[in-house]
Protein backbone atom coordinates (compact mmCIF):
# COMPACT_ATOMS: atom_id res chain seq x y z
CA MET A 1 -12.54 17.36 9.71
CA ILE A 2 -9.95 19.70 8.20
CA VAL A 3 -6.98 20.06 10.52
CA LYS A 4 -5.88 23.65 10.98
CA ARG A 5 -2.26 23.71 9.88
CA GLU A 6 0.17 25.89 11.80
CA MET A 7 1.51 27.26 8.51
CA GLU A 8 -1.79 28.84 7.46
CA SER A 9 -1.35 32.36 8.79
CA ALA A 10 2.22 32.67 7.46
CA VAL A 11 1.21 31.49 3.98
CA LYS A 12 -1.73 33.90 3.82
CA LYS A 13 0.47 36.78 4.96
CA ILE A 14 3.17 36.05 2.39
CA ALA A 15 0.56 35.66 -0.38
CA GLN A 16 -0.32 39.30 0.23
CA GLN A 17 3.28 40.35 -0.42
CA PHE A 18 4.73 38.03 -3.13
CA PRO A 19 3.28 37.36 -6.60
CA VAL A 20 4.23 33.67 -6.29
CA VAL A 21 4.10 31.44 -3.22
CA THR A 22 5.74 28.01 -3.50
CA ILE A 23 5.04 25.20 -1.05
CA THR A 24 7.37 22.21 -1.18
CA GLY A 25 7.39 19.13 0.99
CA PRO A 26 7.13 15.35 0.86
CA ARG A 27 4.29 13.66 -0.97
CA GLN A 28 1.14 13.22 1.12
CA SER A 29 2.12 15.92 3.64
CA GLY A 30 -1.03 17.92 2.91
CA LYS A 31 0.15 20.53 0.41
CA THR A 32 -2.87 20.25 -1.90
CA THR A 33 -5.36 20.29 0.97
CA LEU A 34 -3.67 23.33 2.45
CA VAL A 35 -3.58 25.50 -0.67
CA ARG A 36 -7.10 24.59 -1.79
CA HIS A 37 -8.36 25.43 1.70
CA LEU A 38 -6.49 28.74 1.91
CA PHE A 39 -7.16 29.89 -1.67
CA PRO A 40 -10.64 28.65 -2.63
CA GLU A 41 -11.06 31.41 -5.23
CA HIS A 42 -7.93 30.40 -7.16
CA VAL A 43 -8.36 28.27 -10.28
CA TYR A 44 -6.88 24.85 -9.45
CA TYR A 45 -4.80 22.73 -11.86
CA THR A 46 -2.89 19.58 -11.03
CA LEU A 47 0.03 18.81 -13.32
CA GLU A 48 -0.15 15.16 -12.28
CA ASP A 49 -2.92 14.95 -14.90
CA PRO A 50 -1.08 13.95 -18.11
CA ASP A 51 -3.69 15.50 -20.41
CA LEU A 52 -3.58 18.81 -18.57
CA ARG A 53 0.21 18.70 -18.47
CA GLU A 54 0.37 18.14 -22.23
CA LEU A 55 -2.03 21.03 -22.79
CA ALA A 56 0.01 23.31 -20.54
CA LEU A 57 3.32 22.47 -22.20
CA SER A 58 2.03 22.59 -25.76
CA ASP A 59 0.92 26.21 -25.41
CA PRO A 60 2.07 27.59 -22.03
CA ARG A 61 1.22 31.22 -22.76
CA SER A 62 -2.38 30.43 -23.58
CA PHE A 63 -2.65 28.02 -20.66
CA LEU A 64 -1.38 30.52 -18.09
CA ASP A 65 -3.25 33.47 -19.59
CA SER A 66 -6.49 31.54 -20.06
CA SER A 67 -7.51 32.56 -16.58
CA LYS A 68 -6.97 36.16 -15.62
CA GLU A 69 -7.73 35.04 -12.09
CA ALA A 70 -5.21 33.65 -9.63
CA ILE A 71 -4.02 30.07 -10.22
CA ILE A 72 -2.90 27.09 -8.16
CA LEU A 73 -0.45 24.84 -10.01
CA ASP A 74 -0.14 21.58 -8.10
CA GLU A 75 3.01 19.43 -8.54
CA ILE A 76 4.85 22.07 -10.57
CA GLN A 77 7.93 19.83 -10.76
CA LYS A 78 6.04 17.88 -13.44
CA ALA A 79 6.25 20.90 -15.77
CA PRO A 80 9.13 23.15 -14.63
CA GLU A 81 9.18 24.78 -18.07
CA LEU A 82 6.15 26.79 -16.97
CA LEU A 83 8.24 28.71 -14.45
CA SER A 84 9.90 30.87 -17.11
CA TYR A 85 6.51 31.86 -18.48
CA ILE A 86 5.26 32.63 -14.97
CA GLN A 87 8.29 34.89 -14.58
CA GLY A 88 7.22 36.91 -17.61
CA ILE A 89 3.65 37.21 -16.36
CA VAL A 90 4.57 38.44 -12.88
CA ASP A 91 7.15 40.84 -14.32
CA ARG A 92 4.36 42.45 -16.34
CA ASN A 93 1.86 42.33 -13.48
CA ASN A 94 3.30 42.00 -9.99
CA ARG A 95 -0.06 41.34 -8.32
CA ALA A 96 0.41 39.57 -4.99
CA GLY A 97 -0.81 35.99 -4.72
CA ARG A 98 -1.24 35.53 -8.48
CA PHE A 99 0.32 32.04 -8.50
CA ILE A 100 0.38 29.38 -5.77
CA LEU A 101 2.75 26.51 -6.62
CA THR A 102 3.28 23.17 -4.91
CA GLY A 103 6.04 20.66 -5.53
CA SER A 104 7.20 17.38 -4.03
CA HIS A 105 10.77 17.25 -5.33
CA GLN A 106 13.10 20.08 -4.55
CA PHE A 107 16.08 18.27 -6.09
CA HIS A 108 15.46 19.82 -9.52
CA LEU A 109 12.59 22.13 -8.61
CA LEU A 110 14.55 24.56 -6.49
CA GLY A 111 17.14 24.97 -9.22
CA HIS A 112 14.43 25.93 -11.69
CA ILE A 113 12.79 28.28 -9.19
CA THR A 114 16.08 29.97 -8.33
CA GLN A 115 16.76 30.49 -12.01
CA SER A 116 13.29 31.70 -13.03
CA LEU A 117 11.58 33.15 -9.97
CA ALA A 118 14.38 34.58 -7.83
CA GLY A 119 12.98 37.53 -5.89
CA ARG A 120 9.44 36.74 -7.08
CA THR A 121 8.50 33.81 -4.87
CA PHE A 122 8.64 32.82 -1.21
CA ILE A 123 9.27 29.13 -0.54
CA PHE A 124 7.68 27.23 2.34
CA LYS A 125 8.38 23.64 3.33
CA LEU A 126 5.31 21.77 4.58
CA LEU A 127 6.16 18.62 6.52
CA PRO A 128 3.70 16.06 7.93
CA PHE A 129 1.63 17.07 10.96
CA SER A 130 3.25 18.59 14.00
CA MET A 131 2.28 16.93 17.26
CA ASN A 132 -0.11 19.79 18.01
CA GLU A 133 -1.76 19.32 14.62
CA SER A 134 -2.14 15.56 15.07
CA HIS A 135 -3.71 16.09 18.49
CA GLN A 136 -6.68 17.74 16.78
CA LEU A 137 -7.57 14.21 15.63
CA ALA A 138 -5.81 11.98 18.19
CA ALA A 139 -5.35 13.85 21.44
CA ASP A 140 -4.91 10.72 23.55
CA ASP A 141 -2.17 8.99 21.54
CA THR A 142 0.68 7.61 23.63
CA MET A 143 4.32 8.29 22.88
CA GLU A 144 4.72 4.79 21.46
CA SER A 145 1.67 5.26 19.26
CA THR A 146 2.94 8.56 17.87
CA LEU A 147 6.39 7.10 17.16
CA PHE A 148 4.87 4.09 15.42
CA LYS A 149 2.17 5.91 13.45
CA GLY A 150 4.30 8.86 12.47
CA LEU A 151 2.57 12.09 11.52
CA TYR A 152 1.54 11.82 7.89
CA PRO A 153 -2.00 13.27 7.64
CA GLY A 154 -3.59 10.20 5.98
CA ILE A 155 -2.76 8.06 9.02
CA TYR A 156 -5.01 10.33 11.08
CA ASP A 157 -7.79 11.73 8.90
CA LYS A 158 -8.30 8.51 6.91
CA ARG A 159 -7.44 6.09 9.75
CA LEU A 160 -4.98 4.24 7.52
CA ASP A 161 -2.95 1.27 8.74
CA PRO A 162 0.56 2.67 9.37
CA THR A 163 2.56 -0.37 8.25
CA LEU A 164 0.63 -0.83 5.01
CA THR A 165 0.63 2.91 4.35
CA TYR A 166 4.39 3.29 4.72
CA LYS A 167 5.01 0.12 2.70
CA ALA A 168 3.05 1.63 -0.17
CA TYR A 169 4.70 5.02 0.37
CA PHE A 170 8.15 3.50 0.17
CA GLU A 171 7.40 1.43 -2.91
CA MET A 172 5.34 3.98 -4.85
CA TYR A 173 6.98 7.26 -4.02
CA ILE A 174 10.52 6.69 -2.79
CA GLU A 175 11.48 3.87 -5.14
CA ARG A 176 9.51 5.08 -8.17
CA ASP A 177 10.16 8.79 -7.89
CA LEU A 178 13.81 8.53 -6.99
CA ARG A 179 14.52 6.15 -9.85
CA GLN A 180 13.30 8.95 -12.14
CA ILE A 181 15.84 11.33 -10.62
CA ILE A 182 18.96 9.20 -10.36
CA ASN A 183 20.16 6.14 -12.15
CA ILE A 184 19.81 3.38 -9.57
CA LYS A 185 21.26 0.29 -11.19
CA ASP A 186 20.55 -2.08 -8.30
CA LEU A 187 17.28 -1.34 -6.50
CA ARG A 188 18.07 -4.00 -3.90
CA LEU A 189 21.16 -2.08 -2.77
CA PHE A 190 19.21 1.17 -2.61
CA ARG A 191 16.51 -0.43 -0.43
CA GLN A 192 19.24 -1.78 1.84
CA PHE A 193 20.81 1.68 2.00
CA VAL A 194 17.55 3.38 3.06
CA ARG A 195 16.96 0.77 5.78
CA LEU A 196 20.52 1.16 7.05
CA CYS A 197 19.93 4.91 7.27
CA ALA A 198 16.89 4.24 9.47
CA GLY A 199 19.10 2.14 11.73
CA ARG A 200 21.45 5.12 12.12
CA ILE A 201 18.89 7.66 13.33
CA GLY A 202 20.49 10.11 15.73
CA GLN A 203 24.02 8.93 14.94
CA ILE A 204 26.97 10.80 13.47
CA LEU A 205 26.95 10.25 9.72
CA SER A 206 29.85 8.13 8.47
CA LEU A 207 29.84 7.94 4.69
CA SER A 208 32.62 5.36 4.67
CA ASN A 209 30.76 3.03 7.06
CA LEU A 210 27.60 3.24 4.98
CA SER A 211 29.65 2.68 1.85
CA ASN A 212 31.20 -0.48 3.31
CA ASP A 213 27.89 -1.82 4.62
CA VAL A 214 25.98 -1.24 1.37
CA GLY A 215 28.81 -2.14 -0.99
CA VAL A 216 28.78 1.01 -3.12
CA SER A 217 31.21 3.91 -3.38
CA VAL A 218 31.26 6.93 -1.08
CA PRO A 219 30.27 9.28 -3.97
CA THR A 220 27.24 7.06 -4.58
CA ILE A 221 26.28 7.24 -0.89
CA LYS A 222 26.61 11.04 -1.04
CA SER A 223 24.39 11.15 -4.11
CA TRP A 224 21.73 8.94 -2.55
CA ILE A 225 21.68 10.96 0.68
CA SER A 226 21.32 14.19 -1.31
CA VAL A 227 18.33 12.78 -3.15
CA LEU A 228 16.68 11.56 0.06
CA GLU A 229 17.21 15.01 1.54
CA ALA A 230 15.74 16.70 -1.52
CA SER A 231 12.75 14.35 -1.39
CA HIS A 232 12.12 15.25 2.27
CA ILE A 233 12.76 11.72 3.52
CA LEU A 234 15.75 12.40 5.76
CA PHE A 235 17.83 15.37 6.85
CA LEU A 236 21.24 16.03 8.32
CA LEU A 237 21.48 18.03 11.53
CA GLU A 238 24.68 20.03 11.57
CA PRO A 239 26.87 20.39 14.68
CA TYR A 240 27.25 23.69 16.47
CA TYR A 241 30.84 24.82 16.86
CA GLU A 242 32.87 28.01 17.12
CA ASN A 243 36.55 28.88 17.07
CA ILE A 244 37.18 27.71 20.59
CA SER A 245 39.94 25.60 22.05
CA LYS A 246 37.87 22.45 22.58
CA ARG A 247 37.90 19.92 19.78
CA LEU A 248 34.33 19.49 18.59
CA ILE A 249 32.61 16.98 16.34
CA LYS A 250 32.05 18.57 12.93
CA SER A 251 30.15 15.81 11.09
CA PRO A 252 26.32 15.93 10.92
CA LYS A 253 23.79 13.58 12.49
CA LEU A 254 21.22 11.71 10.43
CA TYR A 255 17.46 11.92 11.08
CA PHE A 256 14.23 11.13 9.25
CA TYR A 257 11.46 13.67 8.72
CA ASP A 258 8.93 11.12 9.99
CA THR A 259 9.28 8.42 12.62
CA GLY A 260 6.45 6.33 11.14
CA LEU A 261 8.36 5.77 7.92
CA ALA A 262 11.53 5.08 9.90
CA ALA A 263 9.65 2.57 12.07
CA TYR A 264 8.44 0.74 8.97
CA LEU A 265 11.98 0.60 7.60
CA LEU A 266 13.16 -0.82 10.93
CA GLY A 267 10.54 -3.58 10.77
CA ILE A 268 8.45 -2.25 13.68
CA GLU A 269 4.83 -3.30 13.08
CA ASN A 270 2.96 -2.33 16.25
CA GLU A 271 3.20 -0.22 19.39
CA ASN A 272 4.34 -3.12 21.57
CA GLN A 273 7.31 -3.71 19.32
CA MET A 274 8.05 0.01 19.43
CA ASP A 275 8.08 -0.05 23.22
CA ARG A 276 10.70 -2.82 23.23
CA ASP A 277 12.80 -1.68 20.29
CA PRO A 278 16.42 -0.74 21.12
CA LEU A 279 16.11 2.34 18.87
CA LYS A 280 13.07 3.70 20.67
CA GLY A 281 15.19 6.40 22.31
CA ASN A 282 16.65 7.44 18.96
CA LEU A 283 13.18 7.63 17.41
CA PHE A 284 11.94 9.68 20.36
CA GLU A 285 14.84 12.08 19.91
CA ASN A 286 13.99 12.26 16.20
CA LEU A 287 10.33 13.03 16.96
CA VAL A 288 11.15 15.92 19.29
CA ILE A 289 13.79 17.46 17.03
CA VAL A 290 11.52 17.39 13.97
CA ASP A 291 8.65 18.91 15.92
CA ILE A 292 10.84 21.84 16.94
CA ILE A 293 12.08 22.22 13.36
CA LYS A 294 8.47 22.26 12.12
CA LYS A 295 7.68 25.13 14.47
CA ARG A 296 10.22 27.29 12.65
CA LEU A 297 9.45 26.09 9.13
CA ASN A 298 5.74 26.69 9.66
CA ILE A 299 6.36 30.41 10.06
CA GLY A 300 8.67 30.52 7.05
CA LEU A 301 11.98 30.72 8.92
CA ASP A 302 15.18 28.66 8.89
CA HIS A 303 15.15 26.16 11.73
CA ASN A 304 18.42 27.37 13.35
CA CYS A 305 18.84 23.98 15.05
CA TYR A 306 22.10 22.13 15.70
CA PHE A 307 23.55 19.51 18.01
CA TYR A 308 26.68 19.68 20.15
CA ARG A 309 29.35 17.10 20.90
CA ASP A 310 33.00 17.44 21.85
CA SER A 311 35.84 14.94 21.71
CA ASN A 312 35.23 13.99 25.36
CA GLN A 313 31.71 12.79 24.49
CA ASN A 314 30.04 15.72 26.20
CA GLU A 315 26.95 16.37 24.11
CA VAL A 316 23.59 18.08 23.84
CA ASP A 317 20.94 16.63 21.55
CA LEU A 318 19.67 19.98 20.24
CA VAL A 319 20.97 23.53 20.29
CA TYR A 320 18.57 26.24 19.17
CA LYS A 321 20.31 29.45 18.10
CA HIS A 322 18.30 32.64 18.52
CA GLY A 323 20.41 35.65 17.67
CA ARG A 324 23.49 35.30 19.86
CA ASP A 325 21.64 33.20 22.44
CA LEU A 326 21.98 29.42 22.50
CA ARG A 327 19.24 27.29 24.05
CA PRO A 328 20.47 23.72 24.74
CA ILE A 329 17.84 20.97 24.83
CA GLU A 330 18.51 17.44 26.05
CA ILE A 331 16.03 14.74 24.94
CA LYS A 332 15.31 11.57 26.92
CA ALA A 333 12.69 8.89 26.23
CA ALA A 334 12.49 7.98 29.93
CA LYS A 335 9.41 8.88 31.95
CA THR A 336 11.38 9.45 35.16
CA PHE A 337 13.88 12.27 35.65
CA THR A 338 17.37 11.55 36.97
CA SER A 339 20.14 14.05 37.68
CA ASP A 340 22.33 12.38 35.03
CA PHE A 341 20.13 14.05 32.42
CA LEU A 342 21.76 17.38 33.33
CA LYS A 343 25.33 16.37 32.47
CA GLY A 344 25.27 17.59 28.88
CA LEU A 345 23.50 20.85 29.73
CA LYS A 346 26.03 21.67 32.43
CA SER A 347 28.96 20.92 30.14
CA PHE A 348 27.45 23.11 27.42
CA LYS A 349 26.92 25.92 29.92
CA ASP A 350 30.58 25.69 30.96
CA THR A 351 31.71 25.78 27.30
CA PHE A 352 29.50 28.74 26.32
CA PRO A 353 28.95 30.61 29.60
CA GLU A 354 28.02 33.92 27.98
CA LYS A 355 25.75 32.53 25.28
CA SER A 356 23.98 29.56 26.84
CA PHE A 357 20.45 30.62 27.70
CA GLY A 358 18.85 28.31 30.24
CA GLY A 359 18.53 24.70 29.17
CA THR A 360 15.73 22.15 29.06
CA ILE A 361 15.30 18.42 29.53
CA VAL A 362 12.54 17.13 27.23
CA TYR A 363 11.34 13.71 28.38
CA ALA A 364 8.32 11.39 28.30
CA GLY A 365 7.20 12.10 31.85
CA ASP A 366 4.44 14.45 32.95
CA LEU A 367 6.25 16.54 35.55
CA GLU A 368 7.09 20.06 34.37
CA LYS A 369 9.21 22.19 36.66
CA LYS A 370 12.09 24.63 36.95
CA MET A 371 15.34 23.32 38.40
CA GLY A 372 17.45 26.41 38.94
CA GLU A 373 18.66 27.59 35.54
CA PHE A 374 17.34 24.45 33.85
CA SER A 375 13.81 23.14 33.33
CA LEU A 376 11.94 19.90 32.74
CA SER A 377 9.34 19.63 29.98
CA ASN A 378 7.03 16.97 28.52
CA TYR A 379 7.79 16.11 24.89
CA LYS A 380 4.35 17.24 23.68
CA ASN A 381 5.31 20.78 24.63
CA ALA A 382 8.79 20.72 23.07
CA ALA A 383 7.93 23.08 20.19
CA SER A 384 6.84 25.75 22.65
CA LEU A 385 10.41 25.98 23.94
CA ILE A 386 11.52 28.10 20.99
């Protein structure tokens, strides 16, 4: 069964307007399946094939002109030199949808694209399944199951074992690929660093603390975080603040793009362990935030998501900015609502009385209701809030 991806309609629409469409994202997130499904008439080439890559680079003009039809170039980061030749082709013939590109590493790829294809391509970021997409194959999964399994497509359509899958993913893709990008002298320290990042999900990023715990310099920590961001392993959620009198936290929070990978790094090997793990709440918060971010990315837009915290520890887990409106969202892994959940939303409303638009508690319970200006929502419906 081919899962209908939420990005499909946006990609098809953009392919009717731009000569080049580029889809980035982590390895195994479904990029190849998506583009081959959406563009079956395009000639497909994967640059992972060393023979094909050598052929393409030895005579790029002939390779790209050999088919006057539209082309899919999978894993374009393997041969970024082709981008300059694609630029020349689309400048001569600006036909929409001529090239569909995919790439797993935006660390170097985006620099090449910005240089060669500025104004000629639209860039999408395809992440692993959203919760709605995964429910096409596993509608009855519990919260603990979803947190443990994560949302990489292979876990669902191939019924892969999550722990073994993420072990292989970490060893084959993260360690191997990243060592090709940066000079990691001590792989043991890098592994320790990635696991320490997983233990800091949902926390304010402290470069100095990570530096002390790992035993490498702050510039090295910055470099490693940048590479993990570019490889779609983790991301930093920025704080929302304005020029107001309250002193607000201005450092980002750290999250992973997938809770299954984070669970593996934390040593969680089954759903029962997930249910008892002290970071279950952090992972739940991570799951909800990423699902909301995916909703925006899947239509080709910036996510416009932030968090809020002031110096008095008043905080809101997620702030969605829509124009001048701010929608605060508080995220709780509990299945039972308590009035304490409203504290952060009320504080945020007092701080931004003219901009705060409603406010929602996302939790693991089933009750959905309005509570005055605030509302209660099950986590499976979180993406529908924006």
